[in-house]
Structure formats: structure tokens, C-alpha cells
Amino acid sequence: MAEALRDKEELKNAIIEALKTVFDPEIPVDIYELGLIYEINIDDSRNAEVVMTLTSPSCPVAGSLPQEVEDKVAGVSGVTEACVELVFEPAWNQDMMSEEAMLELGFL
């Protein structure tokens, strides 16, 4: 059982690393550090679900960014299947950014 948990944790970390290669085209920070990823869920079959948002519902990449995220997650070794759920509640705000993102953008 502990091995399965460790495997899920390792898989989640690999997914996070993949998400850190996806950038919002208007902000020079990756979507993970930007706080756009709300949840990463992995089931026992190694299917990954990513719950994410956008900086705004009218984001110019609203049609393409979720698919890019799904493709990146699906490409992670060990992921059986990937899906992205796009949500707008709670609404994204700057407080959701990591300290690294705030430093990058000059907020700290």
C-alpha cells in the first residue's frame, strides 16, 4: 500500500514538472506557479484529472490552453489517461500565485 502511495506521489510530482513547462502567453510565468492549477487527482488506474482555471473567463487562450495542459499531462510517463476540468469558481486572483511567481513579476 505504501508503495502505491509513493508511486502516486511521484506521478503527481512528474505531472507538476510537466505543468511547469506550460506558460500563460500574456504572463511570463508557468501556469502552476501562477496558481491556475487547483487540483491534481490520480486514481488507482493512474488516470490523471487536472482541475484548473484561467486568469479570466475571457482569456485569449481559453480554447487552447486546457488542451495543451491535457496533452502535457497525458505525455507524462505512467499516466494512463489525462483529462482537464476547467472551472471559474473560485475565481483566480493574484493571491493564488506562488512566491516565485510574485518575485518574477515584481510583486515582492
PDB file of N, CA and C in Angstrom:
ATOM      1  N   MET A   1       0.821  -1.199   0.000  1.00  0.00           N
ATOM      2  CA  MET A   1       0.000   0.000   0.000  1.00  0.00           C
ATOM      3  C   MET A   1       0.863   1.261   0.000  1.00  0.00           C
ATOM      4  N   ALA A   2       1.898   1.278   0.836  1.00  0.00           N
ATOM      5  CA  ALA A   2       2.775   2.455   0.900  1.00  0.00           C
ATOM      6  C   ALA A   2       3.458   2.685  -0.443  1.00  0.00           C
ATOM      7  N   GLU A   3       3.793   1.592  -1.126  1.00  0.00           N
ATOM      8  CA  GLU A   3       4.435   1.726  -2.438  1.00  0.00           C
ATOM      9  C   GLU A   3       3.499   2.393  -3.448  1.00  0.00           C
ATOM     10  N   ALA A   4       2.217   2.023  -3.402  1.00  0.00           N
ATOM     11  CA  ALA A   4       1.245   2.631  -4.312  1.00  0.00           C
ATOM     12  C   ALA A   4       1.107   4.121  -4.031  1.00  0.00           C
ATOM     13  N   LEU A   5       1.109   4.496  -2.746  1.00  0.00           N
ATOM     14  CA  LEU A   5       1.017   5.913  -2.396  1.00  0.00           C
ATOM     15  C   LEU A   5       2.239   6.661  -2.889  1.00  0.00           C
ATOM     16  N   ARG A   6       3.413   6.055  -2.709  1.00  0.00           N
ATOM     17  CA  ARG A   6       4.640   6.690  -3.160  1.00  0.00           C
ATOM     18  C   ARG A   6       4.615   6.850  -4.676  1.00  0.00           C
ATOM     19  N   ASP A   7       4.129   5.853  -5.365  1.00  0.00           N
ATOM     20  CA  ASP A   7       4.053   5.932  -6.821  1.00  0.00           C
ATOM     21  C   ASP A   7       3.127   7.068  -7.253  1.00  0.00           C
ATOM     22  N   LYS A   8       1.988   7.206  -6.574  1.00  0.00           N
ATOM     23  CA  LYS A   8       1.055   8.289  -6.917  1.00  0.00           C
ATOM     24  C   LYS A   8       1.692   9.641  -6.644  1.00  0.00           C
ATOM     25  N   GLU A   9       2.425   9.733  -5.542  1.00  0.00           N
ATOM     26  CA  GLU A   9       3.081  10.994  -5.196  1.00  0.00           C
ATOM     27  C   GLU A   9       4.166  11.321  -6.222  1.00  0.00           C
ATOM     28  N   GLU A  10       4.920  10.310  -6.627  1.00  0.00           N
ATOM     29  CA  GLU A  10       5.943  10.522  -7.656  1.00  0.00           C
ATOM     30  C   GLU A  10       5.303  10.923  -8.980  1.00  0.00           C
ATOM     31  N   LEU A  11       4.191  10.291  -9.313  1.00  0.00           N
ATOM     32  CA  LEU A  11       3.483  10.620 -10.549  1.00  0.00           C
ATOM     33  C   LEU A  11       2.952  12.046 -10.479  1.00  0.00           C
ATOM     34  N   LYS A  12       2.406  12.426  -9.335  1.00  0.00           N
ATOM     35  CA  LYS A  12       1.912  13.791  -9.173  1.00  0.00           C
ATOM     36  C   LYS A  12       3.054  14.798  -9.342  1.00  0.00           C
ATOM     37  N   ASN A  13       4.208  14.506  -8.765  1.00  0.00           N
ATOM     38  CA  ASN A  13       5.361  15.393  -8.907  1.00  0.00           C
ATOM     39  C   ASN A  13       5.803  15.506 -10.365  1.00  0.00           C
ATOM     40  N   ALA A  14       5.751  14.402 -11.100  1.00  0.00           N
ATOM     41  CA  ALA A  14       6.109  14.426 -12.523  1.00  0.00           C
ATOM     42  C   ALA A  14       5.093  15.271 -13.312  1.00  0.00           C
ATOM     43  N   ILE A  15       3.832  15.170 -12.949  1.00  0.00           N
ATOM     44  CA  ILE A  15       2.792  15.978 -13.600  1.00  0.00           C
ATOM     45  C   ILE A  15       3.033  17.455 -13.310  1.00  0.00           C
ATOM     46  N   ILE A  16       3.373  17.778 -12.065  1.00  0.00           N
ATOM     47  CA  ILE A  16       3.661  19.175 -11.715  1.00  0.00           C
ATOM     48  C   ILE A  16       4.825  19.693 -12.550  1.00  0.00           C
ATOM     49  N   GLU A  17       5.858  18.900 -12.709  1.00  0.00           N
ATOM     50  CA  GLU A  17       7.001  19.322 -13.527  1.00  0.00           C
ATOM     51  C   GLU A  17       6.574  19.575 -14.975  1.00  0.00           C
ATOM     52  N   ALA A  18       5.679  18.731 -15.499  1.00  0.00           N
ATOM     53  CA  ALA A  18       5.177  18.929 -16.863  1.00  0.00           C
ATOM     54  C   ALA A  18       4.351  20.213 -16.941  1.00  0.00           C
ATOM     55  N   LEU A  19       3.547  20.470 -15.920  1.00  0.00           N
ATOM     56  CA  LEU A  19       2.722  21.685 -15.903  1.00  0.00           C
ATOM     57  C   LEU A  19       3.581  22.947 -15.843  1.00  0.00           C
ATOM     58  N   LYS A  20       4.749  22.830 -15.252  1.00  0.00           N
ATOM     59  CA  LYS A  20       5.645  23.980 -15.148  1.00  0.00           C
ATOM     60  C   LYS A  20       6.293  24.333 -16.485  1.00  0.00           C
ATOM     61  N   THR A  21       6.002  23.543 -17.523  1.00  0.00           N
ATOM     62  CA  THR A  21       6.506  23.865 -18.865  1.00  0.00           C
ATOM     63  C   THR A  21       5.440  24.568 -19.705  1.00  0.00           C
ATOM     64  N   VAL A  22       4.263  24.796 -19.113  1.00  0.00           N
ATOM     65  CA  VAL A  22       3.160  25.462 -19.809  1.00  0.00           C
ATOM     66  C   VAL A  22       3.052  26.886 -19.275  1.00  0.00           C
ATOM     67  N   PHE A  23       3.078  27.843 -20.179  1.00  0.00           N
ATOM     68  CA  PHE A  23       3.054  29.248 -19.776  1.00  0.00           C
ATOM     69  C   PHE A  23       1.816  29.950 -20.303  1.00  0.00           C
ATOM     70  N   ASP A  24       1.306  30.864 -19.491  1.00  0.00           N
ATOM     71  CA  ASP A  24       0.258  31.766 -19.944  1.00  0.00           C
ATOM     72  C   ASP A  24       0.955  32.713 -20.918  1.00  0.00           C
ATOM     73  N   PRO A  25       0.448  32.873 -22.140  1.00  0.00           N
ATOM     74  CA  PRO A  25       1.156  33.686 -23.129  1.00  0.00           C
ATOM     75  C   PRO A  25       1.254  35.169 -22.786  1.00  0.00           C
ATOM     76  N   GLU A  26       0.412  35.643 -21.883  1.00  0.00           N
ATOM     77  CA  GLU A  26       0.432  37.061 -21.529  1.00  0.00           C
ATOM     78  C   GLU A  26       1.272  37.349 -20.292  1.00  0.00           C
ATOM     79  N   ILE A  27       1.623  36.297 -19.549  1.00  0.00           N
ATOM     80  CA  ILE A  27       2.373  36.461 -18.305  1.00  0.00           C
ATOM     81  C   ILE A  27       3.556  35.491 -18.357  1.00  0.00           C
ATOM     82  N   PRO A  28       4.782  35.983 -18.144  1.00  0.00           N
ATOM     83  CA  PRO A  28       5.959  35.116 -18.286  1.00  0.00           C
ATOM     84  C   PRO A  28       6.203  34.188 -17.098  1.00  0.00           C
ATOM     85  N   VAL A  29       5.141  33.527 -16.647  1.00  0.00           N
ATOM     86  CA  VAL A  29       5.227  32.612 -15.512  1.00  0.00           C
ATOM     87  C   VAL A  29       4.445  31.356 -15.883  1.00  0.00           C
ATOM     88  N   ASP A  30       4.947  30.182 -15.442  1.00  0.00           N
ATOM     89  CA  ASP A  30       4.231  28.951 -15.771  1.00  0.00           C
ATOM     90  C   ASP A  30       2.905  28.875 -15.023  1.00  0.00           C
ATOM     91  N   ILE A  31       1.979  28.096 -15.559  1.00  0.00           N
ATOM     92  CA  ILE A  31       0.615  28.055 -15.026  1.00  0.00           C
ATOM     93  C   ILE A  31       0.534  27.468 -13.622  1.00  0.00           C
ATOM     94  N   TYR A  32       1.491  26.615 -13.254  1.00  0.00           N
ATOM     95  CA  TYR A  32       1.478  26.050 -11.905  1.00  0.00           C
ATOM     96  C   TYR A  32       1.843  27.117 -10.882  1.00  0.00           C
ATOM     97  N   GLU A  33       2.935  27.820 -11.112  1.00  0.00           N
ATOM     98  CA  GLU A  33       3.363  28.870 -10.189  1.00  0.00           C
ATOM     99  C   GLU A  33       2.380  30.039 -10.195  1.00  0.00           C
ATOM    100  N   LEU A  34       1.693  30.219 -11.313  1.00  0.00           N
ATOM    101  CA  LEU A  34       0.695  31.287 -11.421  1.00  0.00           C
ATOM    102  C   LEU A  34      -0.541  30.993 -10.572  1.00  0.00           C
ATOM    103  N   GLY A  35      -0.707  29.736 -10.180  1.00  0.00           N
ATOM    104  CA  GLY A  35      -1.841  29.364  -9.335  1.00  0.00           C
ATOM    105  C   GLY A  35      -3.072  28.964 -10.116  1.00  0.00           C
ATOM    106  N   LEU A  36      -2.899  28.629 -11.392  1.00  0.00           N
ATOM    107  CA  LEU A  36      -4.051  28.248 -12.215  1.00  0.00           C
ATOM    108  C   LEU A  36      -4.460  26.787 -12.023  1.00  0.00           C
ATOM    109  N   ILE A  37      -3.600  26.000 -11.389  1.00  0.00           N
ATOM    110  CA  ILE A  37      -3.910  24.586 -11.150  1.00  0.00           C
ATOM    111  C   ILE A  37      -4.487  24.453  -9.749  1.00  0.00           C
ATOM    112  N   TYR A  38      -5.737  24.038  -9.657  1.00  0.00           N
ATOM    113  CA  TYR A  38      -6.406  23.904  -8.367  1.00  0.00           C
ATOM    114  C   TYR A  38      -6.230  22.508  -7.766  1.00  0.00           C
ATOM    115  N   GLU A  39      -6.304  21.482  -8.598  1.00  0.00           N
ATOM    116  CA  GLU A  39      -6.197  20.104  -8.108  1.00  0.00           C
ATOM    117  C   GLU A  39      -5.532  19.222  -9.150  1.00  0.00           C
ATOM    118  N   ILE A  40      -4.828  18.217  -8.657  1.00  0.00           N
ATOM    119  CA  ILE A  40      -4.320  17.137  -9.498  1.00  0.00           C
ATOM    120  C   ILE A  40      -4.757  15.856  -8.801  1.00  0.00           C
ATOM    121  N   ASN A  41      -5.639  15.114  -9.442  1.00  0.00           N
ATOM    122  CA  ASN A  41      -6.172  13.885  -8.864  1.00  0.00           C
ATOM    123  C   ASN A  41      -5.717  12.701  -9.701  1.00  0.00           C
ATOM    124  N   ILE A  42      -5.243  11.660  -9.032  1.00  0.00           N
ATOM    125  CA  ILE A  42      -4.781  10.455  -9.709  1.00  0.00           C
ATOM    126  C   ILE A  42      -5.509   9.274  -9.092  1.00  0.00           C
ATOM    127  N   ASP A  43      -6.173   8.489  -9.932  1.00  0.00           N
ATOM    128  CA  ASP A  43      -6.885   7.332  -9.391  1.00  0.00           C
ATOM    129  C   ASP A  43      -5.981   6.093  -9.421  1.00  0.00           C
ATOM    130  N   ASP A  44      -6.515   4.968  -8.968  1.00  0.00           N
ATOM    131  CA  ASP A  44      -5.720   3.745  -8.878  1.00  0.00           C
ATOM    132  C   ASP A  44      -5.292   3.202 -10.234  1.00  0.00           C
ATOM    133  N   SER A  45      -5.982   3.608 -11.286  1.00  0.00           N
ATOM    134  CA  SER A  45      -5.606   3.186 -12.639  1.00  0.00           C
ATOM    135  C   SER A  45      -4.609   4.148 -13.280  1.00  0.00           C
ATOM    136  N   ARG A  46      -4.154   5.132 -12.505  1.00  0.00           N
ATOM    137  CA  ARG A  46      -3.175   6.124 -12.949  1.00  0.00           C
ATOM    138  C   ARG A  46      -3.750   7.093 -13.989  1.00  0.00           C
ATOM    139  N   ASN A  47      -5.077   7.274 -13.930  1.00  0.00           N
ATOM    140  CA  ASN A  47      -5.724   8.317 -14.725  1.00  0.00           C
ATOM    141  C   ASN A  47      -5.557   9.614 -13.957  1.00  0.00           C
ATOM    142  N   ALA A  48      -5.204  10.668 -14.662  1.00  0.00           N
ATOM    143  CA  ALA A  48      -4.961  11.957 -14.014  1.00  0.00           C
ATOM    144  C   ALA A  48      -6.018  12.966 -14.426  1.00  0.00           C
ATOM    145  N   GLU A  49      -6.563  13.635 -13.428  1.00  0.00           N
ATOM    146  CA  GLU A  49      -7.516  14.714 -13.667  1.00  0.00           C
ATOM    147  C   GLU A  49      -6.888  15.992 -13.119  1.00  0.00           C
ATOM    148  N   VAL A  50      -6.874  17.035 -13.947  1.00  0.00           N
ATOM    149  CA  VAL A  50      -6.370  18.326 -13.523  1.00  0.00           C
ATOM    150  C   VAL A  50      -7.538  19.303 -13.506  1.00  0.00           C
ATOM    151  N   VAL A  51      -7.748  19.921 -12.359  1.00  0.00           N
ATOM    152  CA  VAL A  51      -8.777  20.954 -12.228  1.00  0.00           C
ATOM    153  C   VAL A  51      -8.032  22.281 -12.267  1.00  0.00           C
ATOM    154  N   MET A  52      -8.387  23.110 -13.233  1.00  0.00           N
ATOM    155  CA  MET A  52      -7.664  24.363 -13.423  1.00  0.00           C
ATOM    156  C   MET A  52      -8.608  25.500 -13.763  1.00  0.00           C
ATOM    157  N   THR A  53      -8.074  26.683 -13.744  1.00  0.00           N
ATOM    158  CA  THR A  53      -8.809  27.867 -14.138  1.00  0.00           C
ATOM    159  C   THR A  53      -7.940  28.683 -15.081  1.00  0.00           C
ATOM    160  N   LEU A  54      -8.448  29.823 -15.470  1.00  0.00           N
ATOM    161  CA  LEU A  54      -7.707  30.771 -16.300  1.00  0.00           C
ATOM    162  C   LEU A  54      -7.657  32.091 -15.541  1.00  0.00           C
ATOM    163  N   THR A  55      -6.777  32.983 -15.960  1.00  0.00           N
ATOM    164  CA  THR A  55      -6.693  34.270 -15.273  1.00  0.00           C
ATOM    165  C   THR A  55      -8.000  35.047 -15.400  1.00  0.00           C
ATOM    166  N   SER A  56      -8.744  34.797 -16.481  1.00  0.00           N
ATOM    167  CA  SER A  56     -10.077  35.378 -16.637  1.00  0.00           C
ATOM    168  C   SER A  56     -10.867  34.531 -17.624  1.00  0.00           C
ATOM    169  N   PRO A  57     -12.192  34.529 -17.519  1.00  0.00           N
ATOM    170  CA  PRO A  57     -13.005  33.743 -18.458  1.00  0.00           C
ATOM    171  C   PRO A  57     -12.809  34.179 -19.909  1.00  0.00           C
ATOM    172  N   SER A  58     -12.396  35.419 -20.122  1.00  0.00           N
ATOM    173  CA  SER A  58     -12.185  35.896 -21.492  1.00  0.00           C
ATOM    174  C   SER A  58     -10.735  35.780 -21.937  1.00  0.00           C
ATOM    175  N   CYS A  59      -9.967  34.944 -21.253  1.00  0.00           N
ATOM    176  CA  CYS A  59      -8.561  34.720 -21.592  1.00  0.00           C
ATOM    177  C   CYS A  59      -8.449  34.312 -23.067  1.00  0.00           C
ATOM    178  N   PRO A  60      -7.527  34.931 -23.825  1.00  0.00           N
ATOM    179  CA  PRO A  60      -7.425  34.628 -25.249  1.00  0.00           C
ATOM    180  C   PRO A  60      -7.040  33.180 -25.571  1.00  0.00           C
ATOM    181  N   VAL A  61      -6.492  32.450 -24.594  1.00  0.00           N
ATOM    182  CA  VAL A  61      -6.121  31.054 -24.851  1.00  0.00           C
ATOM    183  C   VAL A  61      -7.092  30.069 -24.202  1.00  0.00           C
ATOM    184  N   ALA A  62      -8.287  30.551 -23.874  1.00  0.00           N
ATOM    185  CA  ALA A  62      -9.286  29.700 -23.222  1.00  0.00           C
ATOM    186  C   ALA A  62      -9.594  28.445 -24.036  1.00  0.00           C
ATOM    187  N   GLY A  63      -9.502  28.550 -25.346  1.00  0.00           N
ATOM    188  CA  GLY A  63      -9.791  27.401 -26.201  1.00  0.00           C
ATOM    189  C   GLY A  63      -8.630  26.442 -26.356  1.00  0.00           C
ATOM    190  N   SER A  64      -7.403  26.940 -26.198  1.00  0.00           N
ATOM    191  CA  SER A  64      -6.239  26.090 -26.452  1.00  0.00           C
ATOM    192  C   SER A  64      -5.460  25.674 -25.212  1.00  0.00           C
ATOM    193  N   LEU A  65      -5.447  26.481 -24.175  1.00  0.00           N
ATOM    194  CA  LEU A  65      -4.625  26.169 -23.003  1.00  0.00           C
ATOM    195  C   LEU A  65      -5.051  24.879 -22.298  1.00  0.00           C
ATOM    196  N   PRO A  66      -6.338  24.646 -22.048  1.00  0.00           N
ATOM    197  CA  PRO A  66      -6.717  23.376 -21.408  1.00  0.00           C
ATOM    198  C   PRO A  66      -6.278  22.154 -22.215  1.00  0.00           C
ATOM    199  N   GLN A  67      -6.350  22.237 -23.536  1.00  0.00           N
ATOM    200  CA  GLN A  67      -5.903  21.112 -24.362  1.00  0.00           C
ATOM    201  C   GLN A  67      -4.391  20.927 -24.269  1.00  0.00           C
ATOM    202  N   GLU A  68      -3.652  22.029 -24.224  1.00  0.00           N
ATOM    203  CA  GLU A  68      -2.197  21.944 -24.056  1.00  0.00           C
ATOM    204  C   GLU A  68      -1.855  21.282 -22.718  1.00  0.00           C
ATOM    205  N   VAL A  69      -2.587  21.660 -21.665  1.00  0.00           N
ATOM    206  CA  VAL A  69      -2.368  21.059 -20.352  1.00  0.00           C
ATOM    207  C   VAL A  69      -2.669  19.562 -20.407  1.00  0.00           C
ATOM    208  N   GLU A  70      -3.786  19.209 -21.013  1.00  0.00           N
ATOM    209  CA  GLU A  70      -4.157  17.789 -21.111  1.00  0.00           C
ATOM    210  C   GLU A  70      -3.097  17.003 -21.878  1.00  0.00           C
ATOM    211  N   ASP A  71      -2.593  17.568 -22.960  1.00  0.00           N
ATOM    212  CA  ASP A  71      -1.564  16.896 -23.755  1.00  0.00           C
ATOM    213  C   ASP A  71      -0.274  16.710 -22.955  1.00  0.00           C
ATOM    214  N   LYS A  72       0.124  17.730 -22.202  1.00  0.00           N
ATOM    215  CA  LYS A  72       1.352  17.638 -21.387  1.00  0.00           C
ATOM    216  C   LYS A  72       1.202  16.568 -20.317  1.00  0.00           C
ATOM    217  N   VAL A  73       0.051  16.540 -19.646  1.00  0.00           N
ATOM    218  CA  VAL A  73      -0.176  15.559 -18.589  1.00  0.00           C
ATOM    219  C   VAL A  73      -0.236  14.153 -19.184  1.00  0.00           C
ATOM    220  N   ALA A  74      -0.911  14.007 -20.316  1.00  0.00           N
ATOM    221  CA  ALA A  74      -1.007  12.698 -20.969  1.00  0.00           C
ATOM    222  C   ALA A  74       0.377  12.185 -21.396  1.00  0.00           C
ATOM    223  N   GLY A  75       1.300  13.096 -21.641  1.00  0.00           N
ATOM    224  CA  GLY A  75       2.640  12.718 -22.063  1.00  0.00           C
ATOM    225  C   GLY A  75       3.566  12.322 -20.927  1.00  0.00           C
ATOM    226  N   VAL A  76       3.114  12.458 -19.690  1.00  0.00           N
ATOM    227  CA  VAL A  76       3.936  12.081 -18.539  1.00  0.00           C
ATOM    228  C   VAL A  76       3.977  10.556 -18.435  1.00  0.00           C
ATOM    229  N   SER A  77       5.166  10.019 -18.332  1.00  0.00           N
ATOM    230  CA  SER A  77       5.341   8.573 -18.212  1.00  0.00           C
ATOM    231  C   SER A  77       4.608   8.060 -16.985  1.00  0.00           C
ATOM    232  N   GLY A  78       3.762   7.048 -17.187  1.00  0.00           N
ATOM    233  CA  GLY A  78       3.000   6.469 -16.091  1.00  0.00           C
ATOM    234  C   GLY A  78       1.542   6.902 -16.064  1.00  0.00           C
ATOM    235  N   VAL A  79       1.207   7.994 -16.749  1.00  0.00           N
ATOM    236  CA  VAL A  79      -0.183   8.438 -16.806  1.00  0.00           C
ATOM    237  C   VAL A  79      -0.921   7.596 -17.834  1.00  0.00           C
ATOM    238  N   THR A  80      -2.020   6.979 -17.414  1.00  0.00           N
ATOM    239  CA  THR A  80      -2.817   6.159 -18.323  1.00  0.00           C
ATOM    240  C   THR A  80      -3.668   7.037 -19.227  1.00  0.00           C
ATOM    241  N   GLU A  81      -4.362   7.979 -18.610  1.00  0.00           N
ATOM    242  CA  GLU A  81      -5.238   8.887 -19.343  1.00  0.00           C
ATOM    243  C   GLU A  81      -5.278  10.206 -18.595  1.00  0.00           C
ATOM    244  N   ALA A  82      -5.455  11.295 -19.342  1.00  0.00           N
ATOM    245  CA  ALA A  82      -5.496  12.617 -18.711  1.00  0.00           C
ATOM    246  C   ALA A  82      -6.758  13.349 -19.133  1.00  0.00           C
ATOM    247  N   CYS A  83      -7.305  14.118 -18.199  1.00  0.00           N
ATOM    248  CA  CYS A  83      -8.416  14.997 -18.543  1.00  0.00           C
ATOM    249  C   CYS A  83      -8.270  16.280 -17.733  1.00  0.00           C
ATOM    250  N   VAL A  84      -8.795  17.346 -18.305  1.00  0.00           N
ATOM    251  CA  VAL A  84      -8.739  18.655 -17.665  1.00  0.00           C
ATOM    252  C   VAL A  84     -10.151  19.150 -17.450  1.00  0.00           C
ATOM    253  N   GLU A  85     -10.408  19.603 -16.246  1.00  0.00           N
ATOM    254  CA  GLU A  85     -11.683  20.242 -15.946  1.00  0.00           C
ATOM    255  C   GLU A  85     -11.398  21.719 -15.748  1.00  0.00           C
ATOM    256  N   LEU A  86     -12.017  22.550 -16.560  1.00  0.00           N
ATOM    257  CA  LEU A  86     -11.843  23.996 -16.481  1.00  0.00           C
ATOM    258  C   LEU A  86     -12.958  24.572 -15.621  1.00  0.00           C
ATOM    259  N   VAL A  87     -12.573  25.289 -14.560  1.00  0.00           N
ATOM    260  CA  VAL A  87     -13.550  25.884 -13.648  1.00  0.00           C
ATOM    261  C   VAL A  87     -13.255  27.374 -13.477  1.00  0.00           C
ATOM    262  N   PHE A  88     -14.257  28.110 -13.067  1.00  0.00           N
ATOM    263  CA  PHE A  88     -14.066  29.539 -12.808  1.00  0.00           C
ATOM    264  C   PHE A  88     -14.478  29.930 -11.399  1.00  0.00           C
ATOM    265  N   GLU A  89     -14.755  28.927 -10.572  1.00  0.00           N
ATOM    266  CA  GLU A  89     -15.051  29.143  -9.150  1.00  0.00           C
ATOM    267  C   GLU A  89     -14.119  28.264  -8.353  1.00  0.00           C
ATOM    268  N   PRO A  90     -13.338  28.772  -7.465  1.00  0.00           N
ATOM    269  CA  PRO A  90     -13.214  30.195  -7.168  1.00  0.00           C
ATOM    270  C   PRO A  90     -12.462  30.916  -8.281  1.00  0.00           C
ATOM    271  N   ALA A  91     -12.776  32.175  -8.441  1.00  0.00           N
ATOM    272  CA  ALA A  91     -12.125  32.979  -9.471  1.00  0.00           C
ATOM    273  C   ALA A  91     -10.651  33.158  -9.112  1.00  0.00           C
ATOM    274  N   TRP A  92      -9.796  33.108 -10.121  1.00  0.00           N
ATOM    275  CA  TRP A  92      -8.367  33.305  -9.903  1.00  0.00           C
ATOM    276  C   TRP A  92      -8.100  34.745  -9.481  1.00  0.00           C
ATOM    277  N   ASN A  93      -7.132  34.912  -8.589  1.00  0.00           N
ATOM    278  CA  ASN A  93      -6.658  36.249  -8.249  1.00  0.00           C
ATOM    279  C   ASN A  93      -5.166  36.170  -7.952  1.00  0.00           C
ATOM    280  N   GLN A  94      -4.518  37.297  -7.882  1.00  0.00           N
ATOM    281  CA  GLN A  94      -3.064  37.340  -7.730  1.00  0.00           C
ATOM    282  C   GLN A  94      -2.569  36.680  -6.446  1.00  0.00           C
ATOM    283  N   ASP A  95      -3.411  36.585  -5.439  1.00  0.00           N
ATOM    284  CA  ASP A  95      -3.004  35.943  -4.188  1.00  0.00           C
ATOM    285  C   ASP A  95      -2.749  34.447  -4.368  1.00  0.00           C
ATOM    286  N   MET A  96      -3.200  33.875  -5.469  1.00  0.00           N
ATOM    287  CA  MET A  96      -3.016  32.449  -5.725  1.00  0.00           C
ATOM    288  C   MET A  96      -1.638  32.131  -6.300  1.00  0.00           C
ATOM    289  N   MET A  97      -0.904  33.159  -6.671  1.00  0.00           N
ATOM    290  CA  MET A  97       0.429  32.948  -7.238  1.00  0.00           C
ATOM    291  C   MET A  97       1.406  32.514  -6.157  1.00  0.00           C
ATOM    292  N   SER A  98       2.383  31.716  -6.561  1.00  0.00           N
ATOM    293  CA  SER A  98       3.436  31.329  -5.632  1.00  0.00           C
ATOM    294  C   SER A  98       4.347  32.525  -5.387  1.00  0.00           C
ATOM    295  N   GLU A  99       5.148  32.422  -4.364  1.00  0.00           N
ATOM    296  CA  GLU A  99       6.119  33.475  -4.072  1.00  0.00           C
ATOM    297  C   GLU A  99       7.081  33.640  -5.254  1.00  0.00           C
ATOM    298  N   GLU A 100       7.434  32.516  -5.867  1.00  0.00           N
ATOM    299  CA  GLU A 100       8.321  32.544  -7.042  1.00  0.00           C
ATOM    300  C   GLU A 100       7.702  33.376  -8.176  1.00  0.00           C
ATOM    301  N   ALA A 101       6.412  33.178  -8.426  1.00  0.00           N
ATOM    302  CA  ALA A 101       5.726  33.939  -9.476  1.00  0.00           C
ATOM    303  C   ALA A 101       5.658  35.418  -9.121  1.00  0.00           C
ATOM    304  N   MET A 102       5.375  35.707  -7.859  1.00  0.00           N
ATOM    305  CA  MET A 102       5.304  37.111  -7.445  1.00  0.00           C
ATOM    306  C   MET A 102       6.651  37.800  -7.593  1.00  0.00           C
ATOM    307  N   LEU A 103       7.720  37.085  -7.258  1.00  0.00           N
ATOM    308  CA  LEU A 103       9.067  37.649  -7.449  1.00  0.00           C
ATOM    309  C   LEU A 103       9.337  37.895  -8.928  1.00  0.00           C
ATOM    310  N   GLU A 104       9.000  36.916  -9.760  1.00  0.00           N
ATOM    311  CA  GLU A 104       9.227  37.020 -11.206  1.00  0.00           C
ATOM    312  C   GLU A 104       8.502  38.228 -11.799  1.00  0.00           C
ATOM    313  N   LEU A 105       7.321  38.501 -11.289  1.00  0.00           N
ATOM    314  CA  LEU A 105       6.502  39.589 -11.816  1.00  0.00           C
ATOM    315  C   LEU A 105       6.712  40.921 -11.088  1.00  0.00           C
ATOM    316  N   GLY A 106       7.622  40.912 -10.109  1.00  0.00           N
ATOM    317  CA  GLY A 106       7.948  42.152  -9.413  1.00  0.00           C
ATOM    318  C   GLY A 106       6.947  42.569  -8.357  1.00  0.00           C
ATOM    319  N   PHE A 107       6.139  41.617  -7.843  1.00  0.00           N
ATOM    320  CA  PHE A 107       5.162  41.944  -6.805  1.00  0.00           C
ATOM    321  C   PHE A 107       5.752  41.881  -5.407  1.00  0.00           C
ATOM    322  N   LEU A 108       6.958  41.320  -5.278  1.00  0.00           N
ATOM    323  CA  LEU A 108       7.622  41.224  -3.949  1.00  0.00           C
ATOM    324  C   LEU A 108       8.930  41.977  -3.984  1.00  0.00           C
TER     325      LEU A 108
END
